[in-house]
Amino acid sequence: MSTDTQDDDASWLQSLLGSHRPDTGPVSGRWALGVGDMIANHSLTPSKLRGLVRKLNYFGGVAISEDAVEFDGDKVEWADVEEVRTQSLIGYMFTGGLNSQIDRLPVPWFPFRRKVIGAISRAALTLLLAAAKQQLEGGAMDIRIPAEVHYRGMLRSRELAPGMLAALILADPAVRACFEATAQANGVNVVPAEDDVMQGADERAEQIKSMLARLH
């Protein structure tokens, strides 16, 4: 995979995310973006399969509605949410919270299937790592994503957390603002998690550089 191709994939995915941003304020109805939309919009995906692969949003992505929030197909009603805690994107990437499940999605076979899925996976990771690297080098303000949705289960409190693609989508300022406004409209507090954002910054910087190098 050449650096130019990887950069092109990252630019394509960034453009797609930018064109699907939610409106300002609490969501009206339902807003969603996921891996199905990403695969359907890729130039190598046959047009006759695009409607089918959009259904894969269930396996990776974010959906925000007036009544519920969904990460990677798991849905929680706002009425059951007790609190949302944000984490630094940098910290989230290296605490085991980031789950790269995209290469195991049950996508129907089509020509270039592996290439499309690989391109999206690399592009998502490239954008996440680039944002984290810029943040560590002081070129961007701290990006905090809603990483812990604590809600009432049948017997005990449970937690909903985003995977790799959902984390990338939530890193977009417009999506974060919509999420937080919708949570607050439902009486849900959004607070920082008790984490040390920059603890081990030098070590994380080396991890990020190493992962970026392996993608090239």
Protein backbone atom coordinates (compact mmCIF):
# COMPACT_ATOMS: atom_id res chain seq x y z
CA MET A 1 0.00 0.00 0.00
CA SER A 2 1.65 3.25 -1.11
CA THR A 3 1.61 6.38 1.03
CA ASP A 4 -0.18 8.28 -1.75
CA THR A 5 -2.95 5.66 -1.95
CA GLN A 6 -3.32 5.62 1.81
CA ASP A 7 -3.52 9.42 1.91
CA ASP A 8 -6.12 9.36 -0.88
CA ASP A 9 -8.22 6.88 1.11
CA ALA A 10 -7.95 9.02 4.23
CA SER A 11 -8.95 12.14 2.29
CA TRP A 12 -11.92 10.31 0.77
CA LEU A 13 -13.11 9.11 4.17
CA GLN A 14 -12.61 12.55 5.71
CA SER A 15 -14.67 14.07 2.89
CA LEU A 16 -17.43 11.50 3.41
CA LEU A 17 -17.56 12.25 7.14
CA GLY A 18 -17.69 15.96 6.40
CA SER A 19 -20.60 15.59 3.99
CA HIS A 20 -22.70 13.61 6.48
CA ARG A 21 -22.46 15.89 9.51
CA PRO A 22 -25.64 16.31 11.61
CA ASP A 23 -27.35 19.66 12.05
CA THR A 24 -26.57 21.91 15.00
CA GLY A 25 -28.37 21.24 18.28
CA PRO A 26 -30.27 18.19 19.53
CA VAL A 27 -31.05 15.70 16.78
CA SER A 28 -34.47 15.78 15.17
CA GLY A 29 -35.61 12.30 14.18
CA ARG A 30 -32.56 10.07 13.65
CA TRP A 31 -29.04 10.70 12.38
CA ALA A 32 -26.67 7.85 11.53
CA LEU A 33 -23.39 7.14 9.80
CA GLY A 34 -21.62 3.79 9.64
CA VAL A 35 -19.46 1.33 7.78
CA GLY A 36 -22.31 0.48 5.40
CA ASP A 37 -22.43 4.08 4.18
CA MET A 38 -18.65 4.07 3.83
CA ILE A 39 -18.55 0.88 1.77
CA ALA A 40 -21.54 1.96 -0.34
CA ASN A 41 -19.83 5.24 -1.19
CA HIS A 42 -16.52 3.65 -2.20
CA SER A 43 -15.85 3.80 -5.93
CA LEU A 44 -14.95 0.09 -6.12
CA THR A 45 -18.28 -1.10 -4.67
CA PRO A 46 -20.70 -2.24 -7.43
CA SER A 47 -23.75 0.01 -7.59
CA LYS A 48 -26.18 -2.94 -7.39
CA LEU A 49 -24.78 -3.89 -3.96
CA ARG A 50 -24.83 -0.44 -2.40
CA GLY A 51 -28.32 -0.76 -0.94
CA LEU A 52 -27.40 -4.10 0.63
CA VAL A 53 -24.10 -3.03 2.16
CA ARG A 54 -25.68 0.04 3.75
CA LYS A 55 -27.38 -2.43 6.10
CA LEU A 56 -23.90 -3.06 7.57
CA ASN A 57 -24.22 0.21 9.49
CA TYR A 58 -25.50 -2.11 12.21
CA PHE A 59 -22.00 -3.56 12.66
CA GLY A 60 -20.00 -0.36 12.90
CA GLY A 61 -21.04 3.24 13.32
CA VAL A 62 -23.04 5.77 15.30
CA ALA A 63 -26.74 6.56 15.37
CA ILE A 64 -28.33 9.32 17.43
CA SER A 65 -32.07 9.73 17.75
CA GLU A 66 -34.44 11.61 20.01
CA ASP A 67 -35.08 8.37 21.92
CA ALA A 68 -31.82 6.41 21.83
CA VAL A 69 -28.12 6.22 21.03
CA GLU A 70 -26.43 3.39 19.10
CA PHE A 71 -22.76 2.39 18.86
CA ASP A 72 -21.90 -0.45 16.47
CA GLY A 73 -25.46 -1.78 16.45
CA ASP A 74 -25.95 -1.76 20.22
CA LYS A 75 -28.86 0.50 21.16
CA VAL A 76 -29.63 2.17 24.49
CA GLU A 77 -32.68 4.29 25.21
CA TRP A 78 -31.85 7.74 26.57
CA ALA A 79 -34.37 7.08 29.35
CA ASP A 80 -32.06 4.30 30.63
CA VAL A 81 -28.81 6.29 30.39
CA GLU A 82 -27.48 7.39 33.76
CA GLU A 83 -24.42 9.32 32.63
CA VAL A 84 -22.05 9.78 29.68
CA ARG A 85 -18.32 10.07 30.35
CA THR A 86 -15.87 11.47 27.84
CA GLN A 87 -12.30 10.31 27.33
CA SER A 88 -9.39 11.83 25.48
CA LEU A 89 -9.14 10.27 22.02
CA ILE A 90 -5.45 9.63 22.70
CA GLY A 91 -6.15 7.79 25.91
CA TYR A 92 -9.01 5.83 24.42
CA MET A 93 -6.84 4.55 21.59
CA PHE A 94 -4.37 2.93 23.98
CA THR A 95 -6.52 1.62 26.82
CA GLY A 96 -8.01 -1.33 24.99
CA GLY A 97 -11.16 0.65 24.30
CA LEU A 98 -10.55 0.81 20.56
CA ASN A 99 -11.86 -2.30 18.83
CA SER A 100 -10.83 -2.86 15.20
CA GLN A 101 -13.51 -5.28 14.05
CA ILE A 102 -14.03 -3.97 10.54
CA ASP A 103 -12.06 -6.72 8.75
CA ARG A 104 -14.41 -9.33 10.21
CA LEU A 105 -17.66 -7.79 8.97
CA PRO A 106 -20.00 -10.19 7.12
CA VAL A 107 -19.81 -8.18 3.89
CA PRO A 108 -21.10 -10.08 0.82
CA TRP A 109 -18.42 -11.01 -1.67
CA PHE A 110 -17.88 -8.73 -4.63
CA PRO A 111 -14.85 -7.85 -6.80
CA PHE A 112 -12.29 -5.86 -4.78
CA ARG A 113 -14.15 -6.63 -1.51
CA ARG A 114 -10.95 -7.11 0.51
CA LYS A 115 -9.43 -3.99 -1.04
CA VAL A 116 -12.45 -1.82 -0.16
CA ILE A 117 -12.65 -3.03 3.44
CA GLY A 118 -8.89 -2.76 3.87
CA ALA A 119 -8.91 0.78 2.49
CA ILE A 120 -11.64 1.89 4.90
CA SER A 121 -9.93 0.25 7.89
CA ARG A 122 -6.57 1.84 7.08
CA ALA A 123 -8.16 5.20 6.34
CA ALA A 124 -10.05 5.22 9.65
CA LEU A 125 -6.95 4.27 11.63
CA THR A 126 -4.83 6.81 9.72
CA LEU A 127 -7.25 9.64 10.55
CA LEU A 128 -7.45 8.62 14.21
CA LEU A 129 -3.69 8.36 14.54
CA ALA A 130 -3.11 11.65 12.72
CA ALA A 131 -5.54 13.45 15.04
CA ALA A 132 -3.85 11.91 18.08
CA LYS A 133 -0.36 12.74 16.78
CA GLN A 134 -1.33 16.36 16.11
CA GLN A 135 -2.84 16.61 19.56
CA LEU A 136 0.27 15.20 21.25
CA GLU A 137 2.50 17.61 19.35
CA GLY A 138 0.42 20.55 20.55
CA GLY A 139 -1.17 21.31 17.19
CA ALA A 140 -4.75 20.69 18.30
CA MET A 141 -6.88 21.03 21.38
CA ASP A 142 -7.76 17.93 23.38
CA ILE A 143 -10.31 15.81 21.49
CA ARG A 144 -12.65 14.11 23.94
CA ILE A 145 -15.20 11.59 22.70
CA PRO A 146 -18.26 10.20 24.52
CA ALA A 147 -16.55 6.90 25.26
CA GLU A 148 -18.60 5.56 28.17
CA VAL A 149 -22.40 5.51 28.06
CA HIS A 150 -23.45 4.21 31.46
CA TYR A 151 -26.99 2.86 31.54
CA ARG A 152 -29.32 0.75 33.66
CA GLY A 153 -29.32 -2.94 32.81
CA MET A 154 -31.75 -5.53 34.10
CA LEU A 155 -29.60 -6.38 37.12
CA ARG A 156 -26.82 -3.78 37.22
CA SER A 157 -25.39 -0.73 35.49
CA ARG A 158 -23.79 -1.43 32.14
CA GLU A 159 -21.58 0.48 29.69
CA LEU A 160 -21.81 1.12 25.96
CA ALA A 161 -18.50 2.00 24.26
CA PRO A 162 -17.62 2.81 20.62
CA GLY A 163 -15.37 0.72 18.36
CA MET A 164 -12.84 2.07 15.87
CA LEU A 165 -15.23 3.49 13.27
CA ALA A 166 -17.64 4.82 15.86
CA ALA A 167 -14.73 6.53 17.67
CA LEU A 168 -13.66 8.17 14.41
CA ILE A 169 -17.20 9.43 13.76
CA LEU A 170 -17.52 10.72 17.33
CA ALA A 171 -14.21 12.58 16.97
CA ASP A 172 -15.92 14.93 14.49
CA PRO A 173 -16.85 18.17 16.33
CA ALA A 174 -20.32 18.36 14.77
CA VAL A 175 -21.17 14.79 15.78
CA ARG A 176 -19.89 15.34 19.33
CA ALA A 177 -21.90 18.54 19.64
CA CYS A 178 -25.06 16.83 18.38
CA PHE A 179 -24.52 13.88 20.73
CA GLU A 180 -24.00 16.11 23.76
CA ALA A 181 -26.93 18.40 22.92
CA THR A 182 -29.23 15.40 22.48
CA ALA A 183 -28.03 13.84 25.74
CA GLN A 184 -28.61 17.08 27.62
CA ALA A 185 -32.06 17.46 26.02
CA ASN A 186 -32.86 14.08 27.56
CA GLY A 187 -31.59 15.10 30.99
CA VAL A 188 -28.34 13.11 30.70
CA ASN A 189 -25.14 14.63 32.06
CA VAL A 190 -21.97 14.49 29.94
CA VAL A 191 -18.86 14.64 32.15
CA PRO A 192 -15.13 13.92 31.77
CA ALA A 193 -14.02 10.47 32.87
CA GLU A 194 -11.48 10.29 35.65
CA ASP A 195 -8.43 9.79 33.44
CA ASP A 196 -5.07 11.52 33.12
CA VAL A 197 -5.19 12.73 29.52
CA MET A 198 -1.49 13.28 28.97
CA GLN A 199 -0.06 10.61 31.29
CA GLY A 200 2.64 8.72 29.38
CA ALA A 201 2.43 11.17 26.46
CA ASP A 202 5.93 10.34 25.20
CA GLU A 203 5.19 6.61 25.17
CA ARG A 204 1.87 7.18 23.38
CA ALA A 205 3.59 9.40 20.82
CA GLU A 206 6.01 6.57 20.01
CA GLN A 207 3.10 4.10 19.72
CA ILE A 208 1.32 6.42 17.33
CA LYS A 209 4.44 6.94 15.17
CA SER A 210 5.03 3.19 15.09
CA MET A 211 1.45 2.44 14.04
CA LEU A 212 1.52 5.11 11.33
CA ALA A 213 4.79 3.66 10.00
CA ARG A 214 3.28 0.17 9.78
CA LEU A 215 0.37 1.52 7.72
CA HIS A 216 2.72 2.92 5.04
